[in-house]
C-alpha atoms as a PDB file:
ATOM      1  CA  MET A   1       0.057  -0.206   0.042  1.00  0.00           C
ATOM      2  CA  LEU A   2       0.692   3.800  -0.753  1.00  0.00           C
ATOM      3  CA  ALA A   3       2.798   5.302   2.520  1.00  0.00           C
ATOM      4  CA  LEU A   4       0.864   7.617   4.476  1.00  0.00           C
ATOM      5  CA  LEU A   5       2.338  11.132   4.063  1.00  0.00           C
ATOM      6  CA  ALA A   6       2.209  14.517   6.408  1.00  0.00           C
ATOM      7  CA  ALA A   7       1.292  16.699   3.399  1.00  0.00           C
ATOM      8  CA  ALA A   8      -0.295  20.305   2.965  1.00  0.00           C
ATOM      9  CA  PRO A   9      -3.293  20.811   0.688  1.00  0.00           C
ATOM     10  CA  ALA A  10      -3.169  23.986  -1.256  1.00  0.00           C
ATOM     11  CA  LEU A  11      -6.846  25.090  -0.920  1.00  0.00           C
ATOM     12  CA  LEU A  12      -8.685  23.619   2.512  1.00  0.00           C
ATOM     13  CA  PRO A  13      -6.879  23.482   5.676  1.00  0.00           C
ATOM     14  CA  ARG A  14      -3.839  20.805   5.901  1.00  0.00           C
ATOM     15  CA  ALA A  15      -4.528  17.492   6.010  1.00  0.00           C
ATOM     16  CA  HIS A  16      -1.844  15.677   8.603  1.00  0.00           C
ATOM     17  CA  LEU A  17      -0.263  12.158   8.970  1.00  0.00           C
ATOM     18  CA  ARG A  18      -2.978   9.573  10.599  1.00  0.00           C
ATOM     19  CA  THR A  19      -3.855  11.047  13.918  1.00  0.00           C
ATOM     20  CA  ARG A  20      -6.550   9.635  16.244  1.00  0.00           C
ATOM     21  CA  ALA A  21      -8.741  13.523  17.138  1.00  0.00           C
ATOM     22  CA  PRO A  22     -11.413  13.635  19.327  1.00  0.00           C
ATOM     23  CA  ARG A  23     -14.538  12.043  18.395  1.00  0.00           C
ATOM     24  CA  MET A  24     -15.944  15.337  16.188  1.00  0.00           C
ATOM     25  CA  GLU A  25     -17.587  15.758  12.857  1.00  0.00           C
ATOM     26  CA  CYS A  26     -14.237  15.191  10.757  1.00  0.00           C
ATOM     27  CA  VAL A  27     -12.757  12.282  12.859  1.00  0.00           C
ATOM     28  CA  GLU A  28      -9.600  12.738  10.907  1.00  0.00           C
ATOM     29  CA  LYS A  29      -7.380  13.665   7.946  1.00  0.00           C
ATOM     30  CA  PHE A  30      -4.699  12.173   6.108  1.00  0.00           C
ATOM     31  CA  ALA A  31      -3.069  12.498   2.608  1.00  0.00           C
ATOM     32  CA  ILE A  32      -1.855   9.416   0.448  1.00  0.00           C
ATOM     33  CA  SER A  33       1.023   9.480  -2.248  1.00  0.00           C
ATOM     34  CA  LYS A  34       2.750  13.025  -2.004  1.00  0.00           C
ATOM     35  CA  GLU A  35      -0.113  14.805  -1.739  1.00  0.00           C
ATOM     36  CA  ILE A  36      -2.237  13.579  -4.243  1.00  0.00           C
ATOM     37  CA  LYS A  37      -5.044  12.529  -2.357  1.00  0.00           C
ATOM     38  CA  SER A  38      -6.495  14.447   0.565  1.00  0.00           C
ATOM     39  CA  VAL A  39      -8.834  12.050   2.658  1.00  0.00           C
ATOM     40  CA  SER A  40     -11.467  13.497   5.492  1.00  0.00           C
ATOM     41  CA  VAL A  41     -13.147  10.441   7.166  1.00  0.00           C
ATOM     42  CA  PHE A  42     -16.329  11.827   8.974  1.00  0.00           C
ATOM     43  CA  ASP A  43     -17.995  11.055  11.858  1.00  0.00           C
ATOM     44  CA  GLY A  44     -22.043  11.032  10.085  1.00  0.00           C
ATOM     45  CA  ASP A  45     -22.737  13.130   7.091  1.00  0.00           C
ATOM     46  CA  PHE A  46     -20.989  15.642   5.513  1.00  0.00           C
ATOM     47  CA  ALA A  47     -22.900  17.295   3.218  1.00  0.00           C
ATOM     48  CA  GLU A  48     -22.357  20.617   4.631  1.00  0.00           C
ATOM     49  CA  GLU A  49     -18.816  20.326   4.695  1.00  0.00           C
ATOM     50  CA  ILE A  50     -19.176  19.164   0.544  1.00  0.00           C
ATOM     51  CA  ARG A  51     -20.835  23.200   0.913  1.00  0.00           C
ATOM     52  CA  GLU A  52     -17.654  24.478   2.572  1.00  0.00           C
ATOM     53  CA  ALA A  53     -15.423  23.155  -0.216  1.00  0.00           C
ATOM     54  CA  VAL A  54     -17.551  24.424  -2.839  1.00  0.00           C
ATOM     55  CA  THR A  55     -17.851  27.951  -1.283  1.00  0.00           C
ATOM     56  CA  GLN A  56     -14.104  28.445  -0.633  1.00  0.00           C
ATOM     57  CA  VAL A  57     -13.049  27.252  -3.809  1.00  0.00           C
ATOM     58  CA  ALA A  58     -15.997  29.818  -5.346  1.00  0.00           C
ATOM     59  CA  THR A  59     -15.134  32.603  -3.613  1.00  0.00           C
ATOM     60  CA  GLN A  60     -11.665  32.244  -4.668  1.00  0.00           C
ATOM     61  CA  CYS A  61     -12.027  31.496  -8.067  1.00  0.00           C
ATOM     62  CA  ILE A  62     -15.066  34.616  -8.414  1.00  0.00           C
ATOM     63  CA  ALA A  63     -12.092  36.712  -7.041  1.00  0.00           C
ATOM     64  CA  GLU A  64      -9.332  35.980  -9.424  1.00  0.00           C
ATOM     65  CA  LYS A  65     -11.060  35.629 -12.731  1.00  0.00           C
ATOM     66  CA  GLY A  66     -14.812  36.248 -12.271  1.00  0.00           C
ATOM     67  CA  SER A  67     -16.207  32.847 -12.873  1.00  0.00           C
ATOM     68  CA  PHE A  68     -16.394  30.007 -11.773  1.00  0.00           C
ATOM     69  CA  SER A  69     -16.665  26.455 -13.076  1.00  0.00           C
ATOM     70  CA  LEU A  70     -18.081  23.536 -11.340  1.00  0.00           C
ATOM     71  CA  ALA A  71     -18.816  19.886 -13.009  1.00  0.00           C
ATOM     72  CA  ILE A  72     -21.633  18.272 -11.050  1.00  0.00           C
ATOM     73  CA  PRO A  73     -22.970  14.382 -10.983  1.00  0.00           C
ATOM     74  CA  GLY A  74     -26.434  13.717  -9.812  1.00  0.00           C
ATOM     75  CA  GLY A  75     -28.042  11.973  -6.730  1.00  0.00           C
ATOM     76  CA  SER A  76     -27.021  13.552  -3.103  1.00  0.00           C
ATOM     77  CA  VAL A  77     -23.946  15.029  -4.071  1.00  0.00           C
ATOM     78  CA  VAL A  78     -26.081  17.654  -6.235  1.00  0.00           C
ATOM     79  CA  ALA A  79     -28.835  17.457  -3.385  1.00  0.00           C
ATOM     80  CA  ALA A  80     -25.867  18.827  -1.064  1.00  0.00           C
ATOM     81  CA  LEU A  81     -25.325  21.770  -3.345  1.00  0.00           C
ATOM     82  CA  GLY A  82     -28.931  22.569  -3.778  1.00  0.00           C
ATOM     83  CA  ALA A  83     -28.894  23.421  -0.115  1.00  0.00           C
ATOM     84  CA  LEU A  84     -26.001  26.159   0.201  1.00  0.00           C
ATOM     85  CA  ALA A  85     -27.130  29.051   1.372  1.00  0.00           C
ATOM     86  CA  PRO A  86     -27.770  31.559  -1.744  1.00  0.00           C
ATOM     87  CA  ASN A  87     -25.450  34.182  -0.462  1.00  0.00           C
ATOM     88  CA  ALA A  88     -22.548  32.009   0.110  1.00  0.00           C
ATOM     89  CA  PHE A  89     -20.955  33.031  -2.825  1.00  0.00           C
ATOM     90  CA  ASP A  90     -21.874  35.117  -6.075  1.00  0.00           C
ATOM     91  CA  MET A  91     -24.349  32.706  -7.449  1.00  0.00           C
ATOM     92  CA  GLN A  92     -24.333  34.811 -10.806  1.00  0.00           C
ATOM     93  CA  LYS A  93     -20.906  34.367 -11.573  1.00  0.00           C
ATOM     94  CA  MET A  94     -21.142  30.368 -11.400  1.00  0.00           C
ATOM     95  CA  HIS A  95     -21.686  27.875 -14.731  1.00  0.00           C
ATOM     96  CA  LEU A  96     -22.997  24.150 -13.656  1.00  0.00           C
ATOM     97  CA  PHE A  97     -21.927  21.455 -16.042  1.00  0.00           C
ATOM     98  CA  LEU A  98     -22.591  17.579 -16.004  1.00  0.00           C
ATOM     99  CA  CYS A  99     -20.093  14.797 -15.302  1.00  0.00           C
ATOM    100  CA  ASN A 100     -22.656  12.574 -17.136  1.00  0.00           C
ATOM    101  CA  GLU A 101     -26.700  12.618 -18.418  1.00  0.00           C
ATOM    102  CA  LYS A 102     -28.890   9.505 -19.185  1.00  0.00           C
ATOM    103  CA  LEU A 103     -30.639   9.989 -22.316  1.00  0.00           C
ATOM    104  CA  PRO A 104     -32.988  10.477 -23.609  1.00  0.00           C
ATOM    105  CA  SER A 105     -34.213  10.971 -20.209  1.00  0.00           C
ATOM    106  CA  ALA A 106     -31.435  13.977 -18.465  1.00  0.00           C
ATOM    107  CA  PRO A 107     -32.304  13.062 -14.627  1.00  0.00           C
ATOM    108  CA  CYS A 108     -29.094  15.121 -13.739  1.00  0.00           C
ATOM    109  CA  LEU A 109     -30.148  18.013 -16.241  1.00  0.00           C
ATOM    110  CA  ALA A 110     -33.524  18.595 -14.014  1.00  0.00           C
ATOM    111  CA  GLY A 111     -31.332  18.118 -10.447  1.00  0.00           C
ATOM    112  CA  ALA A 112     -28.867  20.516 -11.606  1.00  0.00           C
ATOM    113  CA  LEU A 113     -31.698  23.318 -12.959  1.00  0.00           C
ATOM    114  CA  GLU A 114     -33.797  22.159  -9.622  1.00  0.00           C
ATOM    115  CA  ALA A 115     -30.652  22.953  -7.283  1.00  0.00           C
ATOM    116  CA  ALA A 116     -30.224  26.264  -9.422  1.00  0.00           C
ATOM    117  CA  GLY A 117     -32.974  27.609  -8.814  1.00  0.00           C
ATOM    118  CA  ARG A 118     -32.911  27.384  -5.136  1.00  0.00           C
ATOM    119  CA  LEU A 119     -29.621  29.089  -5.448  1.00  0.00           C
ATOM    120  CA  GLY A 120     -30.528  31.737  -7.997  1.00  0.00           C
ATOM    121  CA  VAL A 121     -28.185  31.038 -10.736  1.00  0.00           C
ATOM    122  CA  PRO A 122     -29.542  31.565 -13.640  1.00  0.00           C
ATOM    123  CA  ALA A 123     -31.102  28.600 -15.526  1.00  0.00           C
ATOM    124  CA  ALA A 124     -28.659  29.532 -18.880  1.00  0.00           C
ATOM    125  CA  GLN A 125     -25.764  29.239 -16.490  1.00  0.00           C
ATOM    126  CA  VAL A 126     -26.523  25.135 -16.170  1.00  0.00           C
ATOM    127  CA  HIS A 127     -25.451  23.772 -18.907  1.00  0.00           C
ATOM    128  CA  GLY A 128     -26.598  20.141 -20.163  1.00  0.00           C
ATOM    129  CA  TYR A 129     -26.079  17.690 -23.214  1.00  0.00           C
ATOM    130  CA  ALA A 130     -27.922  18.373 -26.354  1.00  0.00           C
ATOM    131  CA  ALA A 131     -31.353  16.114 -26.575  1.00  0.00           C
ATOM    132  CA  ALA A 132     -29.792  14.549 -29.881  1.00  0.00           C
ATOM    133  CA  SER A 133     -27.941  10.997 -29.888  1.00  0.00           C
ATOM    134  CA  PRO A 134     -25.373  10.081 -27.296  1.00  0.00           C
ATOM    135  CA  ALA A 135     -22.673  10.710 -30.297  1.00  0.00           C
ATOM    136  CA  GLU A 136     -23.949  13.562 -31.234  1.00  0.00           C
ATOM    137  CA  ALA A 137     -24.465  14.847 -27.714  1.00  0.00           C
ATOM    138  CA  ALA A 138     -21.114  14.181 -26.611  1.00  0.00           C
ATOM    139  CA  ALA A 139     -19.340  16.055 -29.565  1.00  0.00           C
ATOM    140  CA  GLN A 140     -21.298  18.944 -28.724  1.00  0.00           C
ATOM    141  CA  TYR A 141     -20.977  19.249 -24.951  1.00  0.00           C
ATOM    142  CA  ALA A 142     -16.811  19.001 -25.676  1.00  0.00           C
ATOM    143  CA  ALA A 143     -17.425  21.675 -28.239  1.00  0.00           C
ATOM    144  CA  LEU A 144     -18.820  23.793 -25.497  1.00  0.00           C
ATOM    145  CA  LEU A 145     -16.226  22.672 -23.003  1.00  0.00           C
ATOM    146  CA  GLU A 146     -13.791  23.486 -25.492  1.00  0.00           C
ATOM    147  CA  SER A 147     -15.046  27.123 -26.073  1.00  0.00           C
ATOM    148  CA  HIS A 148     -16.596  28.247 -22.553  1.00  0.00           C
ATOM    149  CA  PRO A 149     -14.835  31.117 -21.080  1.00  0.00           C
ATOM    150  CA  ALA A 150     -15.594  30.105 -17.779  1.00  0.00           C
ATOM    151  CA  VAL A 151     -13.398  27.082 -18.182  1.00  0.00           C
ATOM    152  CA  ASP A 152      -9.765  26.700 -18.783  1.00  0.00           C
ATOM    153  CA  ASN A 153      -8.388  25.704 -22.171  1.00  0.00           C
ATOM    154  CA  GLU A 154      -4.916  27.043 -21.666  1.00  0.00           C
ATOM    155  CA  GLY A 155      -3.924  23.001 -21.534  1.00  0.00           C
ATOM    156  CA  ALA A 156      -4.686  20.101 -23.953  1.00  0.00           C
ATOM    157  CA  LEU A 157      -8.002  19.588 -21.873  1.00  0.00           C
ATOM    158  CA  PRO A 158     -10.897  21.749 -20.726  1.00  0.00           C
ATOM    159  CA  SER A 159      -9.806  22.032 -17.205  1.00  0.00           C
ATOM    160  CA  PHE A 160     -13.035  23.452 -14.416  1.00  0.00           C
ATOM    161  CA  ASP A 161     -11.891  24.647 -11.238  1.00  0.00           C
ATOM    162  CA  MET A 162     -13.361  21.881  -9.187  1.00  0.00           C
ATOM    163  CA  MET A 163     -15.269  18.903 -10.110  1.00  0.00           C
ATOM    164  CA  LEU A 164     -17.748  16.802  -7.792  1.00  0.00           C
ATOM    165  CA  LEU A 165     -18.058  13.090  -8.245  1.00  0.00           C
ATOM    166  CA  GLY A 166     -20.360  10.963  -6.929  1.00  0.00           C
ATOM    167  CA  THR A 167     -19.123   6.949  -6.355  1.00  0.00           C
ATOM    168  CA  GLY A 168     -20.260   3.564  -6.635  1.00  0.00           C
ATOM    169  CA  ALA A 169     -19.517   0.151  -4.374  1.00  0.00           C
ATOM    170  CA  ASP A 170     -18.052  -1.213  -7.786  1.00  0.00           C
ATOM    171  CA  GLY A 171     -15.681   2.147  -8.385  1.00  0.00           C
ATOM    172  CA  HIS A 172     -17.631   3.868 -10.622  1.00  0.00           C
ATOM    173  CA  CYS A 173     -17.772   7.606 -11.190  1.00  0.00           C
ATOM    174  CA  GLY A 174     -20.133   9.438 -14.022  1.00  0.00           C
ATOM    175  CA  CYS A 175     -21.104   6.916 -16.372  1.00  0.00           C
ATOM    176  CA  VAL A 176     -17.297   5.677 -16.188  1.00  0.00           C
ATOM    177  CA  PHE A 177     -17.812   1.791 -15.257  1.00  0.00           C
ATOM    178  CA  PRO A 178     -14.979  -0.700 -14.785  1.00  0.00           C
ATOM    179  CA  GLN A 179     -13.697  -2.431 -17.837  1.00  0.00           C
ATOM    180  CA  SER A 180     -15.812  -0.738 -19.969  1.00  0.00           C
ATOM    181  CA  ALA A 181     -14.818   1.069 -22.768  1.00  0.00           C
ATOM    182  CA  GLU A 182     -15.493   4.651 -21.415  1.00  0.00           C
ATOM    183  CA  VAL A 183     -12.320   3.559 -18.752  1.00  0.00           C
ATOM    184  CA  LYS A 184     -10.028   1.657 -21.466  1.00  0.00           C
ATOM    185  CA  ALA A 185     -10.547   5.399 -23.027  1.00  0.00           C
ATOM    186  CA  THR A 186      -8.030   6.676 -20.086  1.00  0.00           C
ATOM    187  CA  GLY A 187      -5.165   8.796 -21.401  1.00  0.00           C
ATOM    188  CA  ALA A 188      -6.518   9.133 -25.379  1.00  0.00           C
ATOM    189  CA  GLY A 189      -7.127  12.780 -24.367  1.00  0.00           C
ATOM    190  CA  ARG A 190     -11.535  12.386 -25.151  1.00  0.00           C
ATOM    191  CA  VAL A 191     -13.293  14.988 -23.732  1.00  0.00           C
ATOM    192  CA  ALA A 192     -16.801  13.582 -23.522  1.00  0.00           C
ATOM    193  CA  LEU A 193     -17.979  10.350 -24.355  1.00  0.00           C
ATOM    194  CA  ALA A 194     -20.774   8.219 -25.811  1.00  0.00           C
ATOM    195  CA  GLY A 195     -21.636   4.434 -24.662  1.00  0.00           C
ATOM    196  CA  ASN A 196     -24.559   2.079 -23.732  1.00  0.00           C
ATOM    197  CA  ASP A 197     -24.077  -0.007 -20.659  1.00  0.00           C
ATOM    198  CA  PRO A 198     -27.134  -1.606 -18.884  1.00  0.00           C
ATOM    199  CA  ARG A 199     -25.445  -0.604 -15.447  1.00  0.00           C
ATOM    200  CA  ALA A 200     -26.617   2.985 -16.764  1.00  0.00           C
ATOM    201  CA  ASP A 201     -29.971   1.801 -17.579  1.00  0.00           C
ATOM    202  CA  GLY A 202     -29.394   2.528 -21.457  1.00  0.00           C
ATOM    203  CA  ASP A 203     -27.352   5.274 -23.631  1.00  0.00           C
ATOM    204  CA  PHE A 204     -25.153   7.842 -21.540  1.00  0.00           C
ATOM    205  CA  VAL A 205     -23.183  10.385 -22.305  1.00  0.00           C
ATOM    206  CA  ALA A 206     -20.407  11.271 -19.412  1.00  0.00           C
ATOM    207  CA  LEU A 207     -16.758  13.398 -19.016  1.00  0.00           C
ATOM    208  CA  SER A 208     -14.056  11.130 -19.368  1.00  0.00           C
ATOM    209  CA  ILE A 209     -11.407  10.115 -16.967  1.00  0.00           C
ATOM    210  CA  ASP A 210      -8.136  12.464 -18.295  1.00  0.00           C
ATOM    211  CA  VAL A 211     -11.570  15.764 -18.326  1.00  0.00           C
ATOM    212  CA  MET A 212     -11.660  14.090 -14.344  1.00  0.00           C
ATOM    213  CA  CYS A 213      -7.980  14.923 -14.066  1.00  0.00           C
ATOM    214  CA  ALA A 214      -8.179  17.863 -16.126  1.00  0.00           C
ATOM    215  CA  ALA A 215     -10.106  19.558 -13.316  1.00  0.00           C
ATOM    216  CA  LYS A 216      -8.206  21.666 -10.657  1.00  0.00           C
ATOM    217  CA  VAL A 217     -10.064  20.751  -7.715  1.00  0.00           C
ATOM    218  CA  VAL A 218     -12.142  16.936  -8.017  1.00  0.00           C
ATOM    219  CA  LEU A 219     -13.987  16.074  -4.380  1.00  0.00           C
ATOM    220  CA  VAL A 220     -14.798  12.601  -4.232  1.00  0.00           C
ATOM    221  CA  SER A 221     -17.708  11.336  -2.119  1.00  0.00           C
ATOM    222  CA  ALA A 222     -18.108   8.046  -0.679  1.00  0.00           C
ATOM    223  CA  ALA A 223     -20.382   7.395   2.158  1.00  0.00           C
ATOM    224  CA  GLY A 224     -21.699   3.780   3.504  1.00  0.00           C
ATOM    225  CA  ALA A 225     -20.245   0.262   4.374  1.00  0.00           C
ATOM    226  CA  ALA A 226     -20.741  -0.987   0.652  1.00  0.00           C
ATOM    227  CA  ARG A 227     -18.327   0.971  -0.459  1.00  0.00           C
ATOM    228  CA  ALA A 228     -15.695  -0.044   2.179  1.00  0.00           C
ATOM    229  CA  PRO A 229     -13.670  -2.350  -0.166  1.00  0.00           C
ATOM    230  CA  MET A 230     -13.670   0.267  -2.904  1.00  0.00           C
ATOM    231  CA  VAL A 231     -12.419   3.255  -1.025  1.00  0.00           C
ATOM    232  CA  ALA A 232      -9.569   0.871   0.032  1.00  0.00           C
ATOM    233  CA  LYS A 233      -8.871  -0.329  -3.251  1.00  0.00           C
ATOM    234  CA  ALA A 234      -9.001   3.688  -5.202  1.00  0.00           C
ATOM    235  CA  LEU A 235      -7.038   4.731  -1.661  1.00  0.00           C
ATOM    236  CA  SER A 236      -4.216   1.939  -1.996  1.00  0.00           C
ATOM    237  CA  GLY A 237      -3.842   1.761  -5.816  1.00  0.00           C
ATOM    238  CA  ASP A 238      -3.978  -1.873  -5.725  1.00  0.00           C
ATOM    239  CA  PHE A 239      -6.446  -2.283  -8.824  1.00  0.00           C
ATOM    240  CA  ASP A 240      -6.187  -3.893 -12.470  1.00  0.00           C
ATOM    241  CA  ARG A 241      -5.915  -0.452 -14.726  1.00  0.00           C
ATOM    242  CA  PHE A 242      -9.297  -0.644 -15.363  1.00  0.00           C
ATOM    243  CA  ASP A 243     -11.090  -2.187 -12.675  1.00  0.00           C
ATOM    244  CA  CYS A 244     -11.556   0.928 -10.197  1.00  0.00           C
ATOM    245  CA  PRO A 245     -12.259   4.496 -12.551  1.00  0.00           C
ATOM    246  CA  VAL A 246     -12.524   6.268  -9.861  1.00  0.00           C
ATOM    247  CA  GLY A 247      -9.091   5.335  -8.060  1.00  0.00           C
ATOM    248  CA  LEU A 248      -7.598   6.999 -11.422  1.00  0.00           C
ATOM    249  CA  VAL A 249      -8.857  10.334 -10.954  1.00  0.00           C
ATOM    250  CA  GLU A 250      -5.974  12.697 -10.296  1.00  0.00           C
ATOM    251  CA  ALA A 251      -6.876  16.543 -10.205  1.00  0.00           C
ATOM    252  CA  VAL A 252      -4.070  18.946 -11.035  1.00  0.00           C
ATOM    253  CA  ASP A 253      -3.980  21.073  -8.389  1.00  0.00           C
ATOM    254  CA  GLN A 254      -5.908  18.934  -5.401  1.00  0.00           C
ATOM    255  CA  THR A 255      -7.734  15.671  -5.158  1.00  0.00           C
ATOM    256  CA  LEU A 256     -10.522  15.420  -1.824  1.00  0.00           C
ATOM    257  CA  TRP A 257     -11.699  12.270  -0.753  1.00  0.00           C
ATOM    258  CA  PHE A 258     -14.825  13.083   1.275  1.00  0.00           C
ATOM    259  CA  THR A 259     -15.235   9.657   3.596  1.00  0.00           C
ATOM    260  CA  ASP A 260     -16.874   8.574   6.471  1.00  0.00           C
ATOM    261  CA  THR A 261     -15.997   5.917   9.141  1.00  0.00           C
ATOM    262  CA  GLU A 262     -18.087   3.107   7.542  1.00  0.00           C
ATOM    263  CA  SER A 263     -16.426   3.754   4.123  1.00  0.00           C
ATOM    264  CA  ILE A 264     -12.775   3.955   5.122  1.00  0.00           C
ATOM    265  CA  ALA A 265     -13.229   0.907   8.087  1.00  0.00           C
ATOM    266  CA  VAL A 266     -11.660  -1.733   5.135  1.00  0.00           C
ATOM    267  CA  PHE A 267      -8.712   0.691   4.784  1.00  0.00           C
ATOM    268  CA  ASP A 268      -8.633   1.214   8.289  1.00  0.00           C
ATOM    269  CA  GLU A 269      -7.623  -2.341   8.309  1.00  0.00           C
ATOM    270  CA  GLN A 270      -5.119  -2.538   5.856  1.00  0.00           C
ATOM    271  CA  ASP A 271      -3.034   0.463   7.110  1.00  0.00           C
ATOM    272  CA  MET A 272      -3.294  -1.364  10.726  1.00  0.00           C
ATOM    273  CA  GLU A 273      -2.189  -4.591   9.031  1.00  0.00           C
ATOM    274  CA  GLU A 274       0.738  -2.845   7.586  1.00  0.00           C
ATOM    275  CA  VAL A 275       2.087  -1.273  11.023  1.00  0.00           C
ATOM    276  CA  ASP A 276       1.524  -4.382  12.700  1.00  0.00           C
ATOM    277  CA  GLU A 277       4.083  -5.955   9.911  1.00  0.00           C
END
């Protein structure tokens, strides 16, 4: 397993070598593999901490460049985002993009628009995929990201200010599943991918792992005992190349993992075994 390091993330509070703190909402923090992943372990729900992280990055980006680009998934992560205080930062300066979408039902866009409405983000600044075939939708979204002024295109791939990712017990993120054609496209430099997979209920479009890695800050959410084996696999790096997509995600500046005491349990056990040895 990779060594635990006393690392110092640049944007959020410094993570420390594993220490046992008094039981609070966040019971410990540690960094793995040369600051690549900063892990926070919470004793319970961490929706408020997700909102605090988004607020901190948004405030910094708006002050520095006048806009904030945020890529979001669906589900509980968006629900947490939607509970932001409307005055947490200047919502008129935020642009929301989608990590993935199921077609033709478009549930992620519906959730994003609902959250935006509560926050006061203009609907025109919520950027969904086109109502087209998956291939056409992927091509149009790639063109959008490669030209949008809120997205950094100075590098080879579009770079969001921040990306939020949910996870599945199998290690998928967005609609990029283990051993799929989409995860096997990692390294090809593609932006948006079109696919069909029963695990996504059919047709979908998704941002590539390459674009996830091009984001400045990525926050990965993983809670619950069902995700514990996946969290241990992703954080240790002990997996075959295409078996754990979320384990491949390493952002440009900071990769934040928000876990809870249940989802980190298997990783804790592995760490203790290594210490005993």
